[in-house]
Amino acid sequence: MCSYITHKVRVEGSAKGASGWMRVDTANVYFDHPYHAPMDHALAIDLVCQADGAKERVAIELSADSARQLIAAIETALKEGEEAHDQAELAALHY
């Protein structure tokens, strides 16, 4: 049974699709039957630019375990990156 439960999130950034880099403003996130990945269920993320009519998309399908590992890696990268940038800004203020 497909649930068709989709969470739409406003995002700000870029993604590289089939025809090169594109602006993205929306992420559609759902856990359901994948289109391509060889598994029963997958976490799917489609990145689109709704402002441009969502003509292109960049999509990923991950196993639940892979998605959780990716979430942890994103959280770690954000934390460490923000701390490093904060330290660099503090050092620059002391010069």
N, C-alpha and C. Protein backbone atom coordinates (compact mmCIF):
# COMPACT_ATOMS: atom_id res chain seq x y z
N MET A 1 0.83 -1.18 0.00
CA MET A 1 0.00 0.00 0.00
C MET A 1 0.88 1.24 0.00
N CYS A 2 0.61 2.16 -0.87
CA CYS A 2 1.32 3.43 -0.90
C CYS A 2 0.59 4.44 -0.02
N SER A 3 1.34 5.18 0.75
CA SER A 3 0.72 6.15 1.65
C SER A 3 0.55 7.52 0.99
N TYR A 4 1.41 7.84 0.05
CA TYR A 4 1.40 9.15 -0.62
C TYR A 4 1.55 10.30 0.36
N ILE A 5 2.10 10.05 1.54
CA ILE A 5 2.34 11.10 2.52
C ILE A 5 3.63 11.81 2.14
N THR A 6 3.52 13.07 1.80
CA THR A 6 4.68 13.85 1.36
C THR A 6 4.79 15.10 2.21
N HIS A 7 6.01 15.38 2.64
CA HIS A 7 6.29 16.60 3.39
C HIS A 7 7.02 17.54 2.44
N LYS A 8 6.48 18.72 2.29
CA LYS A 8 7.07 19.73 1.42
C LYS A 8 7.80 20.75 2.29
N VAL A 9 9.07 21.01 1.97
CA VAL A 9 9.89 21.91 2.76
C VAL A 9 10.46 22.98 1.83
N ARG A 10 10.34 24.24 2.26
CA ARG A 10 10.97 25.32 1.50
C ARG A 10 12.47 25.27 1.78
N VAL A 11 13.26 25.30 0.74
CA VAL A 11 14.72 25.28 0.86
C VAL A 11 15.29 26.42 0.02
N GLU A 12 16.55 26.70 0.23
CA GLU A 12 17.23 27.73 -0.54
C GLU A 12 18.58 27.17 -0.93
N GLY A 13 18.81 27.04 -2.25
CA GLY A 13 20.09 26.52 -2.67
C GLY A 13 20.11 26.15 -4.14
N SER A 14 21.03 25.28 -4.49
CA SER A 14 21.22 24.83 -5.86
C SER A 14 21.41 23.32 -5.87
N ALA A 15 21.12 22.73 -7.02
CA ALA A 15 21.34 21.30 -7.21
C ALA A 15 21.79 21.08 -8.65
N LYS A 16 22.57 20.05 -8.87
CA LYS A 16 23.05 19.76 -10.22
C LYS A 16 22.19 18.66 -10.81
N GLY A 17 21.47 18.98 -11.86
CA GLY A 17 20.60 18.03 -12.54
C GLY A 17 21.16 17.61 -13.88
N ALA A 18 20.33 17.01 -14.68
CA ALA A 18 20.74 16.48 -15.99
C ALA A 18 21.26 17.56 -16.92
N SER A 19 20.73 18.78 -16.80
CA SER A 19 21.17 19.85 -17.70
C SER A 19 22.05 20.88 -16.99
N GLY A 20 22.64 20.50 -15.87
CA GLY A 20 23.55 21.40 -15.16
C GLY A 20 22.95 21.90 -13.86
N TRP A 21 23.53 22.97 -13.34
CA TRP A 21 23.10 23.52 -12.06
C TRP A 21 21.76 24.22 -12.20
N MET A 22 20.95 24.09 -11.16
CA MET A 22 19.64 24.73 -11.13
C MET A 22 19.36 25.24 -9.73
N ARG A 23 18.54 26.26 -9.64
CA ARG A 23 18.11 26.78 -8.34
C ARG A 23 17.06 25.83 -7.79
N VAL A 24 17.07 25.61 -6.48
CA VAL A 24 16.02 24.81 -5.84
C VAL A 24 15.39 25.63 -4.72
N ASP A 25 14.07 25.50 -4.60
CA ASP A 25 13.36 26.20 -3.54
C ASP A 25 12.41 25.29 -2.76
N THR A 26 12.31 24.02 -3.18
CA THR A 26 11.39 23.09 -2.54
C THR A 26 12.00 21.69 -2.48
N ALA A 27 11.84 21.04 -1.34
CA ALA A 27 12.20 19.62 -1.20
C ALA A 27 10.93 18.86 -0.86
N ASN A 28 10.62 17.87 -1.65
CA ASN A 28 9.50 16.97 -1.37
C ASN A 28 10.09 15.70 -0.78
N VAL A 29 9.68 15.36 0.44
CA VAL A 29 10.26 14.25 1.18
C VAL A 29 9.17 13.25 1.53
N TYR A 30 9.42 11.98 1.22
CA TYR A 30 8.44 10.94 1.55
C TYR A 30 9.13 9.60 1.72
N PHE A 31 8.45 8.69 2.44
CA PHE A 31 8.93 7.33 2.66
C PHE A 31 7.87 6.41 2.09
N ASP A 32 8.18 5.77 0.98
CA ASP A 32 7.19 4.96 0.29
C ASP A 32 7.90 4.03 -0.68
N HIS A 33 7.16 3.43 -1.60
CA HIS A 33 7.76 2.57 -2.61
C HIS A 33 8.62 3.41 -3.56
N PRO A 34 9.86 3.01 -3.78
CA PRO A 34 10.72 3.79 -4.68
C PRO A 34 10.38 3.53 -6.15
N TYR A 35 10.79 4.47 -6.98
CA TYR A 35 10.64 4.29 -8.42
C TYR A 35 11.76 3.44 -8.99
N HIS A 36 12.97 3.60 -8.45
CA HIS A 36 14.13 2.96 -9.05
C HIS A 36 14.93 2.08 -8.09
N ALA A 37 15.12 2.51 -6.85
CA ALA A 37 15.95 1.76 -5.90
C ALA A 37 15.38 0.36 -5.68
N PRO A 38 16.25 -0.65 -5.64
CA PRO A 38 15.80 -2.04 -5.50
C PRO A 38 15.48 -2.42 -4.04
N MET A 39 14.45 -1.77 -3.48
CA MET A 39 14.03 -2.06 -2.10
C MET A 39 12.53 -1.85 -2.00
N ASP A 40 11.93 -2.41 -0.96
CA ASP A 40 10.49 -2.32 -0.81
C ASP A 40 10.04 -0.89 -0.50
N HIS A 41 10.76 -0.20 0.40
CA HIS A 41 10.45 1.18 0.76
C HIS A 41 11.75 1.98 0.79
N ALA A 42 11.64 3.25 0.50
CA ALA A 42 12.81 4.13 0.50
C ALA A 42 12.39 5.52 0.94
N LEU A 43 13.34 6.24 1.52
CA LEU A 43 13.14 7.66 1.76
C LEU A 43 13.50 8.35 0.45
N ALA A 44 12.57 9.11 -0.08
CA ALA A 44 12.79 9.81 -1.34
C ALA A 44 12.81 11.31 -1.08
N ILE A 45 13.74 11.99 -1.74
CA ILE A 45 13.82 13.44 -1.68
C ILE A 45 13.90 13.95 -3.11
N ASP A 46 12.94 14.77 -3.48
CA ASP A 46 12.93 15.42 -4.79
C ASP A 46 13.18 16.90 -4.57
N LEU A 47 14.22 17.42 -5.19
CA LEU A 47 14.53 18.85 -5.11
C LEU A 47 14.08 19.50 -6.41
N VAL A 48 13.26 20.55 -6.29
CA VAL A 48 12.73 21.25 -7.46
C VAL A 48 12.75 22.75 -7.21
N CYS A 49 12.48 23.50 -8.27
CA CYS A 49 12.28 24.94 -8.15
C CYS A 49 10.84 25.22 -8.54
N GLN A 50 9.98 25.32 -7.55
CA GLN A 50 8.56 25.60 -7.79
C GLN A 50 8.38 26.94 -8.50
N ALA A 51 9.23 27.91 -8.18
CA ALA A 51 9.12 29.24 -8.78
C ALA A 51 9.31 29.19 -10.29
N ASP A 52 10.05 28.20 -10.77
CA ASP A 52 10.28 28.04 -12.21
C ASP A 52 9.36 26.97 -12.81
N GLY A 53 8.33 26.56 -12.08
CA GLY A 53 7.39 25.57 -12.58
C GLY A 53 7.81 24.14 -12.37
N ALA A 54 8.84 23.91 -11.57
CA ALA A 54 9.34 22.55 -11.26
C ALA A 54 9.56 21.74 -12.54
N LYS A 55 10.18 22.36 -13.54
CA LYS A 55 10.42 21.69 -14.82
C LYS A 55 11.48 20.60 -14.72
N GLU A 56 12.42 20.77 -13.79
CA GLU A 56 13.48 19.79 -13.57
C GLU A 56 13.46 19.37 -12.11
N ARG A 57 14.07 18.23 -11.83
CA ARG A 57 14.20 17.80 -10.45
C ARG A 57 15.47 16.99 -10.29
N VAL A 58 15.93 16.97 -9.07
CA VAL A 58 17.02 16.09 -8.66
C VAL A 58 16.41 15.20 -7.59
N ALA A 59 16.52 13.90 -7.75
CA ALA A 59 15.86 12.97 -6.84
C ALA A 59 16.86 11.96 -6.29
N ILE A 60 16.64 11.58 -5.02
CA ILE A 60 17.40 10.48 -4.42
C ILE A 60 16.42 9.55 -3.72
N GLU A 61 16.77 8.28 -3.68
CA GLU A 61 16.02 7.27 -2.94
C GLU A 61 17.02 6.51 -2.08
N LEU A 62 16.80 6.51 -0.77
CA LEU A 62 17.72 5.90 0.18
C LEU A 62 17.00 4.91 1.07
N SER A 63 17.72 3.87 1.49
CA SER A 63 17.17 2.98 2.51
C SER A 63 16.99 3.79 3.79
N ALA A 64 16.13 3.31 4.68
CA ALA A 64 15.89 4.02 5.93
C ALA A 64 17.19 4.16 6.73
N ASP A 65 18.00 3.10 6.76
CA ASP A 65 19.27 3.16 7.48
C ASP A 65 20.21 4.19 6.86
N SER A 66 20.30 4.19 5.54
CA SER A 66 21.15 5.17 4.85
C SER A 66 20.68 6.59 5.12
N ALA A 67 19.36 6.79 5.11
CA ALA A 67 18.81 8.13 5.36
C ALA A 67 19.16 8.60 6.77
N ARG A 68 19.07 7.70 7.74
CA ARG A 68 19.42 8.07 9.12
C ARG A 68 20.91 8.40 9.24
N GLN A 69 21.77 7.65 8.55
CA GLN A 69 23.20 7.95 8.56
C GLN A 69 23.47 9.30 7.90
N LEU A 70 22.75 9.60 6.83
CA LEU A 70 22.90 10.89 6.16
C LEU A 70 22.46 12.03 7.08
N ILE A 71 21.34 11.85 7.78
CA ILE A 71 20.88 12.87 8.72
C ILE A 71 21.95 13.15 9.77
N ALA A 72 22.53 12.10 10.33
CA ALA A 72 23.58 12.26 11.35
C ALA A 72 24.79 12.98 10.78
N ALA A 73 25.19 12.62 9.56
CA ALA A 73 26.34 13.27 8.93
C ALA A 73 26.06 14.75 8.65
N ILE A 74 24.84 15.07 8.24
CA ILE A 74 24.47 16.47 7.99
C ILE A 74 24.53 17.26 9.29
N GLU A 75 23.96 16.71 10.37
CA GLU A 75 23.99 17.39 11.66
C GLU A 75 25.43 17.62 12.13
N THR A 76 26.28 16.61 11.98
CA THR A 76 27.68 16.74 12.39
C THR A 76 28.40 17.80 11.56
N ALA A 77 28.21 17.77 10.24
CA ALA A 77 28.87 18.74 9.36
C ALA A 77 28.42 20.17 9.69
N LEU A 78 27.13 20.35 9.93
CA LEU A 78 26.63 21.68 10.28
C LEU A 78 27.22 22.16 11.60
N LYS A 79 27.23 21.30 12.60
CA LYS A 79 27.76 21.68 13.92
C LYS A 79 29.24 22.03 13.83
N GLU A 80 30.03 21.15 13.22
CA GLU A 80 31.47 21.39 13.14
C GLU A 80 31.77 22.59 12.25
N GLY A 81 31.06 22.74 11.16
CA GLY A 81 31.28 23.87 10.26
C GLY A 81 30.94 25.20 10.90
N GLU A 82 29.79 25.25 11.59
CA GLU A 82 29.41 26.48 12.26
C GLU A 82 30.39 26.84 13.37
N GLU A 83 30.84 25.84 14.13
CA GLU A 83 31.82 26.09 15.19
C GLU A 83 33.12 26.63 14.60
N ALA A 84 33.59 26.04 13.51
CA ALA A 84 34.84 26.49 12.87
C ALA A 84 34.70 27.92 12.35
N HIS A 85 33.57 28.23 11.76
CA HIS A 85 33.36 29.59 11.24
C HIS A 85 33.24 30.60 12.37
N ASP A 86 32.58 30.20 13.47
CA ASP A 86 32.48 31.09 14.63
C ASP A 86 33.86 31.38 15.21
N GLN A 87 34.70 30.36 15.31
CA GLN A 87 36.05 30.54 15.84
C GLN A 87 36.87 31.44 14.92
N ALA A 88 36.72 31.29 13.62
CA ALA A 88 37.46 32.12 12.66
C ALA A 88 37.01 33.58 12.78
N GLU A 89 35.72 33.80 12.97
CA GLU A 89 35.22 35.17 13.12
C GLU A 89 35.73 35.80 14.41
N LEU A 90 35.78 35.01 15.49
CA LEU A 90 36.31 35.53 16.75
C LEU A 90 37.79 35.88 16.62
N ALA A 91 38.54 35.02 15.95
CA ALA A 91 39.97 35.28 15.76
C ALA A 91 40.18 36.55 14.94
N ALA A 92 39.34 36.76 13.94
CA ALA A 92 39.47 37.94 13.09
C ALA A 92 39.16 39.23 13.89
N LEU A 93 38.27 39.13 14.87
CA LEU A 93 37.94 40.30 15.68
C LEU A 93 39.09 40.71 16.60
N HIS A 94 39.95 39.75 16.96
CA HIS A 94 41.05 40.03 17.87
C HIS A 94 42.27 40.60 17.16
N TYR A 95 42.24 40.73 15.85
CA TYR A 95 43.38 41.30 15.12
C TYR A 95 43.23 42.75 14.90
